[in-house]
């Protein structure tokens, strides 16, 4: 069913794009819009500085702050706690898969 839906979806978009390509007015509007975008991009690029401004020989830059120290890593206890939690979740997932497939306990209403 999903495959048919996907094929139908692609077919609809192909027909829509074909119809849009055949529509002269739509093509002209898209061309005009892209032309405006190109003009706006060119105008914006012209406003951006291309070269750094020249500095006078007597100009002194203010000192910069020292770089921040590297972030401390998680503690060993936190890593161990996360590892235990991942193991618990993996076990729970395995139990749920077994119950879904009917190969494990829990099929008679027993909670896992």
PDB file of N, CA and C in Angstrom:
ATOM      1  N   UNK A   1       0.812  -1.180   0.000  1.00  0.00           N
ATOM      2  CA  UNK A   1       0.000   0.000   0.000  1.00  0.00           C
ATOM      3  C   UNK A   1       0.863   1.254   0.000  1.00  0.00           C
ATOM      4  N   UNK A   2       1.947   1.254   0.778  1.00  0.00           N
ATOM      5  CA  UNK A   2       2.834   2.417   0.821  1.00  0.00           C
ATOM      6  C   UNK A   2       3.515   2.640  -0.518  1.00  0.00           C
ATOM      7  N   UNK A   3       3.849   1.538  -1.205  1.00  0.00           N
ATOM      8  CA  UNK A   3       4.517   1.660  -2.496  1.00  0.00           C
ATOM      9  C   UNK A   3       3.581   2.299  -3.523  1.00  0.00           C
ATOM     10  N   UNK A   4       2.304   1.917  -3.503  1.00  0.00           N
ATOM     11  CA  UNK A   4       1.340   2.513  -4.425  1.00  0.00           C
ATOM     12  C   UNK A   4       1.145   3.984  -4.122  1.00  0.00           C
ATOM     13  N   UNK A   5       1.103   4.324  -2.842  1.00  0.00           N
ATOM     14  CA  UNK A   5       0.944   5.724  -2.454  1.00  0.00           C
ATOM     15  C   UNK A   5       2.125   6.542  -2.952  1.00  0.00           C
ATOM     16  N   UNK A   6       3.322   6.007  -2.799  1.00  0.00           N
ATOM     17  CA  UNK A   6       4.526   6.717  -3.242  1.00  0.00           C
ATOM     18  C   UNK A   6       4.512   6.894  -4.757  1.00  0.00           C
ATOM     19  N   UNK A   7       4.112   5.851  -5.487  1.00  0.00           N
ATOM     20  CA  UNK A   7       4.050   5.957  -6.949  1.00  0.00           C
ATOM     21  C   UNK A   7       3.018   7.003  -7.358  1.00  0.00           C
ATOM     22  N   UNK A   8       1.873   7.010  -6.700  1.00  0.00           N
ATOM     23  CA  UNK A   8       0.839   8.007  -7.002  1.00  0.00           C
ATOM     24  C   UNK A   8       1.335   9.417  -6.707  1.00  0.00           C
ATOM     25  N   UNK A   9       2.028   9.564  -5.604  1.00  0.00           N
ATOM     26  CA  UNK A   9       2.561  10.871  -5.217  1.00  0.00           C
ATOM     27  C   UNK A   9       3.539  11.387  -6.267  1.00  0.00           C
ATOM     28  N   UNK A  10       4.450  10.524  -6.711  1.00  0.00           N
ATOM     29  CA  UNK A  10       5.423  10.916  -7.724  1.00  0.00           C
ATOM     30  C   UNK A  10       4.711  11.235  -9.041  1.00  0.00           C
ATOM     31  N   UNK A  11       3.716  10.439  -9.397  1.00  0.00           N
ATOM     32  CA  UNK A  11       2.984  10.682 -10.638  1.00  0.00           C
ATOM     33  C   UNK A  11       2.271  12.033 -10.603  1.00  0.00           C
ATOM     34  N   UNK A  12       1.675  12.362  -9.469  1.00  0.00           N
ATOM     35  CA  UNK A  12       0.987  13.647  -9.340  1.00  0.00           C
ATOM     36  C   UNK A  12       1.981  14.788  -9.492  1.00  0.00           C
ATOM     37  N   UNK A  13       3.120  14.704  -8.835  1.00  0.00           N
ATOM     38  CA  UNK A  13       4.098  15.783  -8.931  1.00  0.00           C
ATOM     39  C   UNK A  13       4.687  15.886 -10.323  1.00  0.00           C
ATOM     40  N   UNK A  14       4.897  14.746 -10.975  1.00  0.00           N
ATOM     41  CA  UNK A  14       5.399  14.804 -12.340  1.00  0.00           C
ATOM     42  C   UNK A  14       4.396  15.505 -13.251  1.00  0.00           C
ATOM     43  N   UNK A  15       3.123  15.185 -13.094  1.00  0.00           N
ATOM     44  CA  UNK A  15       2.116  15.831 -13.936  1.00  0.00           C
ATOM     45  C   UNK A  15       2.017  17.319 -13.608  1.00  0.00           C
ATOM     46  N   UNK A  16       2.133  17.675 -12.326  1.00  0.00           N
ATOM     47  CA  UNK A  16       2.086  19.088 -11.944  1.00  0.00           C
ATOM     48  C   UNK A  16       3.284  19.850 -12.510  1.00  0.00           C
ATOM     49  N   UNK A  17       4.466  19.287 -12.398  1.00  0.00           N
ATOM     50  CA  UNK A  17       5.653  19.963 -12.916  1.00  0.00           C
ATOM     51  C   UNK A  17       5.607  20.070 -14.436  1.00  0.00           C
ATOM     52  N   UNK A  18       5.085  19.056 -15.088  1.00  0.00           N
ATOM     53  CA  UNK A  18       4.938  19.116 -16.539  1.00  0.00           C
ATOM     54  C   UNK A  18       3.971  20.226 -16.929  1.00  0.00           C
ATOM     55  N   UNK A  19       2.860  20.313 -16.206  1.00  0.00           N
ATOM     56  CA  UNK A  19       1.884  21.372 -16.488  1.00  0.00           C
ATOM     57  C   UNK A  19       2.482  22.748 -16.216  1.00  0.00           C
ATOM     58  N   UNK A  20       3.254  22.874 -15.145  1.00  0.00           N
ATOM     59  CA  UNK A  20       3.881  24.152 -14.836  1.00  0.00           C
ATOM     60  C   UNK A  20       4.895  24.535 -15.912  1.00  0.00           C
ATOM     61  N   UNK A  21       5.633  23.567 -16.429  1.00  0.00           N
ATOM     62  CA  UNK A  21       6.620  23.855 -17.468  1.00  0.00           C
ATOM     63  C   UNK A  21       5.944  24.284 -18.766  1.00  0.00           C
ATOM     64  N   UNK A  22       4.742  23.808 -18.996  1.00  0.00           N
ATOM     65  CA  UNK A  22       4.023  24.156 -20.218  1.00  0.00           C
ATOM     66  C   UNK A  22       3.310  25.508 -20.107  1.00  0.00           C
ATOM     67  N   UNK A  23       3.165  26.031 -18.911  1.00  0.00           N
ATOM     68  CA  UNK A  23       2.442  27.281 -18.690  1.00  0.00           C
ATOM     69  C   UNK A  23       3.379  28.467 -18.943  1.00  0.00           C
ATOM     70  N   UNK A  24       3.156  29.202 -20.037  1.00  0.00           N
ATOM     71  CA  UNK A  24       4.008  30.312 -20.430  1.00  0.00           C
ATOM     72  C   UNK A  24       4.025  31.413 -19.376  1.00  0.00           C
ATOM     73  N   UNK A  25       2.867  31.746 -18.851  1.00  0.00           N
ATOM     74  CA  UNK A  25       2.775  32.828 -17.867  1.00  0.00           C
ATOM     75  C   UNK A  25       3.554  32.476 -16.596  1.00  0.00           C
ATOM     76  N   UNK A  26       3.450  31.242 -16.169  1.00  0.00           N
ATOM     77  CA  UNK A  26       4.180  30.822 -14.968  1.00  0.00           C
ATOM     78  C   UNK A  26       5.683  30.881 -15.215  1.00  0.00           C
ATOM     79  N   UNK A  27       6.130  30.423 -16.377  1.00  0.00           N
ATOM     80  CA  UNK A  27       7.561  30.490 -16.704  1.00  0.00           C
ATOM     81  C   UNK A  27       8.045  31.934 -16.698  1.00  0.00           C
ATOM     82  N   UNK A  28       7.267  32.848 -17.269  1.00  0.00           N
ATOM     83  CA  UNK A  28       7.670  34.258 -17.304  1.00  0.00           C
ATOM     84  C   UNK A  28       7.750  34.838 -15.896  1.00  0.00           C
ATOM     85  N   UNK A  29       6.774  34.484 -15.053  1.00  0.00           N
ATOM     86  CA  UNK A  29       6.790  34.979 -13.671  1.00  0.00           C
ATOM     87  C   UNK A  29       7.996  34.453 -12.909  1.00  0.00           C
ATOM     88  N   UNK A  30       8.305  33.167 -13.090  1.00  0.00           N
ATOM     89  CA  UNK A  30       9.474  32.597 -12.417  1.00  0.00           C
ATOM     90  C   UNK A  30      10.754  33.270 -12.907  1.00  0.00           C
ATOM     91  N   UNK A  31      10.851  33.508 -14.207  1.00  0.00           N
ATOM     92  CA  UNK A  31      12.046  34.164 -14.747  1.00  0.00           C
ATOM     93  C   UNK A  31      12.193  35.576 -14.177  1.00  0.00           C
ATOM     94  N   UNK A  32      11.076  36.306 -14.083  1.00  0.00           N
ATOM     95  CA  UNK A  32      11.128  37.656 -13.524  1.00  0.00           C
ATOM     96  C   UNK A  32      11.543  37.617 -12.053  1.00  0.00           C
ATOM     97  N   UNK A  33      10.992  36.659 -11.303  1.00  0.00           N
ATOM     98  CA  UNK A  33      11.325  36.557  -9.883  1.00  0.00           C
ATOM     99  C   UNK A  33      12.806  36.209  -9.695  1.00  0.00           C
ATOM    100  N   UNK A  34      13.312  35.272 -10.487  1.00  0.00           N
ATOM    101  CA  UNK A  34      14.723  34.909 -10.370  1.00  0.00           C
ATOM    102  C   UNK A  34      15.620  36.078 -10.767  1.00  0.00           C
ATOM    103  N   UNK A  35      15.196  36.853 -11.734  1.00  0.00           N
ATOM    104  CA  UNK A  35      15.962  38.030 -12.125  1.00  0.00           C
ATOM    105  C   UNK A  35      16.024  39.047 -10.979  1.00  0.00           C
ATOM    106  N   UNK A  36      14.888  39.247 -10.312  1.00  0.00           N
ATOM    107  CA  UNK A  36      14.874  40.158  -9.160  1.00  0.00           C
ATOM    108  C   UNK A  36      15.764  39.651  -8.044  1.00  0.00           C
ATOM    109  N   UNK A  37      15.712  38.343  -7.792  1.00  0.00           N
ATOM    110  CA  UNK A  37      16.574  37.777  -6.759  1.00  0.00           C
ATOM    111  C   UNK A  37      18.043  37.985  -7.113  1.00  0.00           C
ATOM    112  N   UNK A  38      18.397  37.784  -8.372  1.00  0.00           N
ATOM    113  CA  UNK A  38      19.788  37.963  -8.797  1.00  0.00           C
ATOM    114  C   UNK A  38      20.212  39.416  -8.624  1.00  0.00           C
ATOM    115  N   UNK A  39      19.333  40.353  -8.973  1.00  0.00           N
ATOM    116  CA  UNK A  39      19.654  41.770  -8.798  1.00  0.00           C
ATOM    117  C   UNK A  39      19.831  42.105  -7.323  1.00  0.00           C
ATOM    118  N   UNK A  40      18.952  41.583  -6.478  1.00  0.00           N
ATOM    119  CA  UNK A  40      19.059  41.845  -5.037  1.00  0.00           C
ATOM    120  C   UNK A  40      20.351  41.264  -4.481  1.00  0.00           C
ATOM    121  N   UNK A  41      20.725  40.065  -4.934  1.00  0.00           N
ATOM    122  CA  UNK A  41      21.964  39.442  -4.459  1.00  0.00           C
ATOM    123  C   UNK A  41      23.171  40.259  -4.906  1.00  0.00           C
ATOM    124  N   UNK A  42      23.156  40.756  -6.131  1.00  0.00           N
ATOM    125  CA  UNK A  42      24.269  41.567  -6.625  1.00  0.00           C
ATOM    126  C   UNK A  42      24.374  42.873  -5.832  1.00  0.00           C
ATOM    127  N   UNK A  43      23.222  43.486  -5.532  1.00  0.00           N
ATOM    128  CA  UNK A  43      23.237  44.730  -4.757  1.00  0.00           C
ATOM    129  C   UNK A  43      23.751  44.471  -3.339  1.00  0.00           C
ATOM    130  N   UNK A  44      23.342  43.369  -2.737  1.00  0.00           N
ATOM    131  CA  UNK A  44      23.801  43.043  -1.381  1.00  0.00           C
ATOM    132  C   UNK A  44      25.299  42.758  -1.386  1.00  0.00           C
ATOM    133  N   UNK A  45      25.777  42.056  -2.408  1.00  0.00           N
ATOM    134  CA  UNK A  45      27.208  41.746  -2.483  1.00  0.00           C
ATOM    135  C   UNK A  45      28.030  43.018  -2.657  1.00  0.00           C
ATOM    136  N   UNK A  46      27.487  43.997  -3.362  1.00  0.00           N
ATOM    137  CA  UNK A  46      28.214  45.254  -3.561  1.00  0.00           C
ATOM    138  C   UNK A  46      28.357  46.033  -2.258  1.00  0.00           C
ATOM    139  N   UNK A  47      27.433  45.821  -1.319  1.00  0.00           N
ATOM    140  CA  UNK A  47      27.497  46.528  -0.038  1.00  0.00           C
ATOM    141  C   UNK A  47      28.478  45.901   0.937  1.00  0.00           C
ATOM    142  N   UNK A  48      28.858  44.659   0.703  1.00  0.00           N
ATOM    143  CA  UNK A  48      29.779  43.977   1.612  1.00  0.00           C
ATOM    144  C   UNK A  48      31.200  44.465   1.395  1.00  0.00           C
ATOM    145  N   UNK A  49      31.963  44.608   2.474  1.00  0.00           N
ATOM    146  CA  UNK A  49      33.360  45.023   2.303  1.00  0.00           C
ATOM    147  C   UNK A  49      34.174  43.873   1.697  1.00  0.00           C
ATOM    148  N   UNK A  50      35.049  44.216   0.760  1.00  0.00           N
ATOM    149  CA  UNK A  50      35.848  43.186   0.096  1.00  0.00           C
ATOM    150  C   UNK A  50      37.261  43.123   0.646  1.00  0.00           C
ATOM    151  N   UNK A  51      37.801  44.257   1.042  1.00  0.00           N
ATOM    152  CA  UNK A  51      39.157  44.299   1.574  1.00  0.00           C
ATOM    153  C   UNK A  51      39.107  44.912   2.968  1.00  0.00           C
ATOM    154  N   UNK A  52      40.040  44.487   3.799  1.00  0.00           N
ATOM    155  CA  UNK A  52      40.121  45.059   5.136  1.00  0.00           C
ATOM    156  C   UNK A  52      40.572  46.515   5.014  1.00  0.00           C
ATOM    157  N   UNK A  53      40.034  47.398   5.851  1.00  0.00           N
ATOM    158  CA  UNK A  53      40.456  48.804   5.774  1.00  0.00           C
ATOM    159  C   UNK A  53      41.922  48.923   6.168  1.00  0.00           C
ATOM    160  N   UNK A  54      42.644  49.820   5.516  1.00  0.00           N
ATOM    161  CA  UNK A  54      44.069  49.984   5.850  1.00  0.00           C
ATOM    162  C   UNK A  54      44.220  50.542   7.269  1.00  0.00           C
ATOM    163  N   UNK A  55      45.269  50.095   7.952  1.00  0.00           N
ATOM    164  CA  UNK A  55      45.521  50.544   9.323  1.00  0.00           C
ATOM    165  C   UNK A  55      46.702  51.523   9.310  1.00  0.00           C
ATOM    166  N   UNK A  56      46.605  52.461  10.190  1.00  0.00           N
ATOM    167  CA  UNK A  56      47.750  53.375  10.313  1.00  0.00           C
ATOM    168  C   UNK A  56      48.834  52.673  11.120  1.00  0.00           C
ATOM    169  N   UNK A  57      50.075  53.010  10.918  1.00  0.00           N
ATOM    170  CA  UNK A  57      51.158  52.308  11.625  1.00  0.00           C
ATOM    171  C   UNK A  57      51.082  52.476  13.140  1.00  0.00           C
ATOM    172  N   UNK A  58      50.447  53.526  13.635  1.00  0.00           N
ATOM    173  CA  UNK A  58      50.399  53.744  15.069  1.00  0.00           C
ATOM    174  C   UNK A  58      49.200  53.108  15.754  1.00  0.00           C
ATOM    175  N   UNK A  59      48.351  52.437  14.991  1.00  0.00           N
ATOM    176  CA  UNK A  59      47.149  51.849  15.582  1.00  0.00           C
ATOM    177  C   UNK A  59      47.510  50.591  16.364  1.00  0.00           C
ATOM    178  N   UNK A  60      47.048  50.558  17.608  1.00  0.00           N
ATOM    179  CA  UNK A  60      47.295  49.390  18.452  1.00  0.00           C
ATOM    180  C   UNK A  60      45.954  48.725  18.734  1.00  0.00           C
ATOM    181  N   UNK A  61      45.901  47.429  18.501  1.00  0.00           N
ATOM    182  CA  UNK A  61      44.659  46.713  18.778  1.00  0.00           C
ATOM    183  C   UNK A  61      44.553  46.437  20.270  1.00  0.00           C
ATOM    184  N   UNK A  62      43.351  46.510  20.811  1.00  0.00           N
ATOM    185  CA  UNK A  62      43.189  46.187  22.233  1.00  0.00           C
ATOM    186  C   UNK A  62      43.472  44.708  22.462  1.00  0.00           C
ATOM    187  N   UNK A  63      43.957  44.390  23.660  1.00  0.00           N
ATOM    188  CA  UNK A  63      44.257  42.975  23.937  1.00  0.00           C
ATOM    189  C   UNK A  63      42.976  42.146  23.931  1.00  0.00           C
ATOM    190  N   UNK A  64      43.108  40.944  23.487  1.00  0.00           N
ATOM    191  CA  UNK A  64      41.962  40.035  23.441  1.00  0.00           C
ATOM    192  C   UNK A  64      41.904  39.224  24.727  1.00  0.00           C
ATOM    193  N   UNK A  65      40.710  38.765  25.015  1.00  0.00           N
ATOM    194  CA  UNK A  65      40.545  37.906  26.191  1.00  0.00           C
ATOM    195  C   UNK A  65      41.201  36.561  25.930  1.00  0.00           C
ATOM    196  N   UNK A  66      41.637  35.929  26.998  1.00  0.00           N
ATOM    197  CA  UNK A  66      42.256  34.609  26.866  1.00  0.00           C
ATOM    198  C   UNK A  66      41.209  33.612  26.378  1.00  0.00           C
ATOM    199  N   UNK A  67      41.624  32.643  25.574  1.00  0.00           N
ATOM    200  CA  UNK A  67      40.654  31.653  25.103  1.00  0.00           C
ATOM    201  C   UNK A  67      40.087  30.859  26.277  1.00  0.00           C
ATOM    202  N   UNK A  68      38.850  30.454  26.130  1.00  0.00           N
ATOM    203  CA  UNK A  68      38.199  29.696  27.200  1.00  0.00           C
ATOM    204  C   UNK A  68      38.836  28.320  27.329  1.00  0.00           C
ATOM    205  N   UNK A  69      38.862  27.829  28.540  1.00  0.00           N
ATOM    206  CA  UNK A  69      39.412  26.508  28.782  1.00  0.00           C
ATOM    207  C   UNK A  69      38.471  25.454  28.199  1.00  0.00           C
ATOM    208  N   UNK A  70      39.019  24.312  27.899  1.00  0.00           N
ATOM    209  CA  UNK A  70      38.214  23.222  27.345  1.00  0.00           C
ATOM    210  C   UNK A  70      37.161  22.811  28.369  1.00  0.00           C
ATOM    211  N   UNK A  71      36.007  22.427  27.864  1.00  0.00           N
ATOM    212  CA  UNK A  71      34.933  22.001  28.751  1.00  0.00           C
ATOM    213  C   UNK A  71      35.330  20.699  29.441  1.00  0.00           C
ATOM    214  N   UNK A  72      34.959  20.608  30.698  1.00  0.00           N
ATOM    215  CA  UNK A  72      35.290  19.385  31.422  1.00  0.00           C
ATOM    216  C   UNK A  72      34.377  18.267  30.937  1.00  0.00           C
ATOM    217  N   UNK A  73      34.923  17.085  30.864  1.00  0.00           N
ATOM    218  CA  UNK A  73      34.160  15.924  30.401  1.00  0.00           C
ATOM    219  C   UNK A  73      33.254  15.408  31.497  1.00  0.00           C
ATOM    220  N   UNK A  74      32.346  14.530  31.133  1.00  0.00           N
ATOM    221  CA  UNK A  74      31.457  13.962  32.144  1.00  0.00           C
ATOM    222  C   UNK A  74      32.251  13.104  33.117  1.00  0.00           C
ATOM    223  N   UNK A  75      31.780  13.072  34.349  1.00  0.00           N
ATOM    224  CA  UNK A  75      32.455  12.271  35.358  1.00  0.00           C
ATOM    225  C   UNK A  75      32.291  10.786  35.093  1.00  0.00           C
ATOM    226  N   UNK A  76      33.173  10.004  35.702  1.00  0.00           N
ATOM    227  CA  UNK A  76      33.123   8.556  35.524  1.00  0.00           C
ATOM    228  C   UNK A  76      31.788   8.013  36.011  1.00  0.00           C
ATOM    229  N   UNK A  77      31.272   8.549  37.109  1.00  0.00           N
ATOM    230  CA  UNK A  77      29.994   8.065  37.636  1.00  0.00           C
ATOM    231  C   UNK A  77      28.866   8.285  36.639  1.00  0.00           C
ATOM    232  N   UNK A  78      28.871   9.438  35.988  1.00  0.00           N
ATOM    233  CA  UNK A  78      27.812   9.725  35.023  1.00  0.00           C
ATOM    234  C   UNK A  78      27.898   8.779  33.823  1.00  0.00           C
ATOM    235  N   UNK A  79      29.102   8.498  33.363  1.00  0.00           N
ATOM    236  CA  UNK A  79      29.277   7.586  32.230  1.00  0.00           C
ATOM    237  C   UNK A  79      28.791   6.195  32.610  1.00  0.00           C
ATOM    238  N   UNK A  80      29.130   5.762  33.810  1.00  0.00           N
ATOM    239  CA  UNK A  80      28.680   4.443  34.258  1.00  0.00           C
ATOM    240  C   UNK A  80      27.159   4.399  34.380  1.00  0.00           C
ATOM    241  N   UNK A  81      26.555   5.465  34.900  1.00  0.00           N
ATOM    242  CA  UNK A  81      25.100   5.513  35.030  1.00  0.00           C
ATOM    243  C   UNK A  81      24.440   5.450  33.663  1.00  0.00           C
ATOM    244  N   UNK A  82      24.973   6.203  32.715  1.00  0.00           N
ATOM    245  CA  UNK A  82      24.424   6.174  31.363  1.00  0.00           C
ATOM    246  C   UNK A  82      24.599   4.806  30.717  1.00  0.00           C
ATOM    247  N   UNK A  83      25.730   4.168  30.955  1.00  0.00           N
ATOM    248  CA  UNK A  83      25.954   2.826  30.403  1.00  0.00           C
ATOM    249  C   UNK A  83      24.948   1.831  30.962  1.00  0.00           C
ATOM    250  N   UNK A  84      24.683   1.919  32.273  1.00  0.00           N
ATOM    251  CA  UNK A  84      23.677   1.022  32.868  1.00  0.00           C
ATOM    252  C   UNK A  84      22.304   1.281  32.288  1.00  0.00           C
ATOM    253  N   UNK A  85      21.961   2.552  32.102  1.00  0.00           N
ATOM    254  CA  UNK A  85      20.642   2.899  31.559  1.00  0.00           C
ATOM    255  C   UNK A  85      20.492   2.394  30.124  1.00  0.00           C
ATOM    256  N   UNK A  86      21.546   2.527  29.323  1.00  0.00           N
ATOM    257  CA  UNK A  86      21.493   2.017  27.949  1.00  0.00           C
ATOM    258  C   UNK A  86      21.307   0.502  27.959  1.00  0.00           C
ATOM    259  N   UNK A  87      22.009  -0.180  28.852  1.00  0.00           N
ATOM    260  CA  UNK A  87      21.853  -1.631  28.943  1.00  0.00           C
ATOM    261  C   UNK A  87      20.420  -1.992  29.342  1.00  0.00           C
ATOM    262  N   UNK A  88      19.833  -1.245  30.287  1.00  0.00           N
ATOM    263  CA  UNK A  88      18.443  -1.497  30.685  1.00  0.00           C
ATOM    264  C   UNK A  88      17.494  -1.292  29.508  1.00  0.00           C
ATOM    265  N   UNK A  89      17.704  -0.233  28.756  1.00  0.00           N
ATOM    266  CA  UNK A  89      16.836   0.047  27.612  1.00  0.00           C
ATOM    267  C   UNK A  89      16.991  -1.008  26.520  1.00  0.00           C
ATOM    268  N   UNK A  90      18.223  -1.479  26.306  1.00  0.00           N
ATOM    269  CA  UNK A  90      18.428  -2.544  25.320  1.00  0.00           C
ATOM    270  C   UNK A  90      17.703  -3.814  25.740  1.00  0.00           C
ATOM    271  N   UNK A  91      17.757  -4.140  27.026  1.00  0.00           N
ATOM    272  CA  UNK A  91      17.066  -5.326  27.534  1.00  0.00           C
ATOM    273  C   UNK A  91      15.558  -5.175  27.367  1.00  0.00           C
ATOM    274  N   UNK A  92      15.039  -4.005  27.683  1.00  0.00           N
ATOM    275  CA  UNK A  92      13.599  -3.742  27.552  1.00  0.00           C
ATOM    276  C   UNK A  92      13.160  -3.858  26.091  1.00  0.00           C
ATOM    277  N   UNK A  93      13.967  -3.317  25.189  1.00  0.00           N
ATOM    278  CA  UNK A  93      13.658  -3.402  23.763  1.00  0.00           C
ATOM    279  C   UNK A  93      13.647  -4.852  23.293  1.00  0.00           C
ATOM    280  N   UNK A  94      14.624  -5.634  23.744  1.00  0.00           N
ATOM    281  CA  UNK A  94      14.660  -7.051  23.364  1.00  0.00           C
ATOM    282  C   UNK A  94      13.413  -7.777  23.871  1.00  0.00           C
ATOM    283  N   UNK A  95      12.979  -7.448  25.088  1.00  0.00           N
ATOM    284  CA  UNK A  95      11.773  -8.077  25.636  1.00  0.00           C
ATOM    285  C   UNK A  95      10.538  -7.677  24.842  1.00  0.00           C
ATOM    286  N   UNK A  96      10.448  -6.418  24.461  1.00  0.00           N
ATOM    287  CA  UNK A  96       9.304  -5.960  23.681  1.00  0.00           C
ATOM    288  C   UNK A  96       9.270  -6.629  22.307  1.00  0.00           C
ATOM    289  N   UNK A  97      10.427  -6.800  21.702  1.00  0.00           N
ATOM    290  CA  UNK A  97      10.484  -7.460  20.395  1.00  0.00           C
ATOM    291  C   UNK A  97      10.069  -8.917  20.523  1.00  0.00           C
ATOM    292  N   UNK A  98      10.549  -9.584  21.582  1.00  0.00           N
ATOM    293  CA  UNK A  98      10.153 -10.975  21.805  1.00  0.00           C
ATOM    294  C   UNK A  98       8.647 -11.090  22.004  1.00  0.00           C
ATOM    295  N   UNK A  99       8.085 -10.172  22.784  1.00  0.00           N
ATOM    296  CA  UNK A  99       6.650 -10.208  23.038  1.00  0.00           C
ATOM    297  C   UNK A  99       5.873  -9.950  21.739  1.00  0.00           C
ATOM    298  N   UNK A 100       6.330  -9.022  20.936  1.00  0.00           N
ATOM    299  CA  UNK A 100       5.655  -8.715  19.675  1.00  0.00           C
ATOM    300  C   UNK A 100       5.689  -9.919  18.738  1.00  0.00           C
ATOM    301  N   UNK A 101       6.832 -10.597  18.688  1.00  0.00           N
ATOM    302  CA  UNK A 101       6.975 -11.741  17.794  1.00  0.00           C
ATOM    303  C   UNK A 101       6.350 -13.009  18.368  1.00  0.00           C
ATOM    304  N   UNK A 102       5.936 -12.973  19.613  1.00  0.00           N
ATOM    305  CA  UNK A 102       5.316 -14.123  20.235  1.00  0.00           C
ATOM    306  C   UNK A 102       6.302 -15.192  20.649  1.00  0.00           C
ATOM    307  N   UNK A 103       7.586 -14.838  20.791  1.00  0.00           N
ATOM    308  CA  UNK A 103       8.583 -15.844  21.130  1.00  0.00           C
ATOM    309  C   UNK A 103       9.012 -15.776  22.581  1.00  0.00           C
ATOM    310  N   UNK A 104       8.450 -14.850  23.339  1.00  0.00           N
ATOM    311  CA  UNK A 104       8.900 -14.710  24.721  1.00  0.00           C
ATOM    312  C   UNK A 104       7.760 -14.579  25.682  1.00  0.00           C
ATOM    313  N   UNK A 105       8.068 -14.335  26.975  1.00  0.00           N
ATOM    314  CA  UNK A 105       7.015 -14.182  27.984  1.00  0.00           C
ATOM    315  C   UNK A 105       6.216 -12.910  27.748  1.00  0.00           C
ATOM    316  N   UNK A 106       5.034 -12.843  28.349  1.00  0.00           N
ATOM    317  CA  UNK A 106       4.249 -11.644  28.278  1.00  0.00           C
ATOM    318  C   UNK A 106       3.092 -11.739  27.312  1.00  0.00           C
ATOM    319  N   UNK A 107       2.892 -12.844  26.628  1.00  0.00           N
ATOM    320  CA  UNK A 107       1.800 -12.971  25.665  1.00  0.00           C
ATOM    321  C   UNK A 107       0.464 -13.218  26.345  1.00  0.00           C
ATOM    322  N   UNK A 108       0.477 -13.668  27.596  1.00  0.00           N
ATOM    323  CA  UNK A 108      -0.778 -13.973  28.284  1.00  0.00           C
ATOM    324  C   UNK A 108      -1.208 -12.826  29.203  1.00  0.00           C
ATOM    325  N   UNK A 109      -0.796 -11.603  28.910  1.00  0.00           N
ATOM    326  CA  UNK A 109      -1.208 -10.448  29.707  1.00  0.00           C
ATOM    327  C   UNK A 109      -0.205 -10.074  30.766  1.00  0.00           C
ATOM    328  N   UNK A 110       0.873 -10.829  30.904  1.00  0.00           N
ATOM    329  CA  UNK A 110       1.906 -10.539  31.890  1.00  0.00           C
ATOM    330  C   UNK A 110       2.674  -9.300  31.451  1.00  0.00           C
ATOM    331  N   UNK A 111       2.930  -8.376  32.365  1.00  0.00           N
ATOM    332  CA  UNK A 111       3.670  -7.168  32.020  1.00  0.00           C
ATOM    333  C   UNK A 111       5.150  -7.460  32.053  1.00  0.00           C
ATOM    334  N   UNK A 112       5.856  -6.825  31.137  1.00  0.00           N
ATOM    335  CA  UNK A 112       7.295  -7.051  31.041  1.00  0.00           C
ATOM    336  C   UNK A 112       7.998  -5.786  31.453  1.00  0.00           C
TER     337      UNK A 112
END
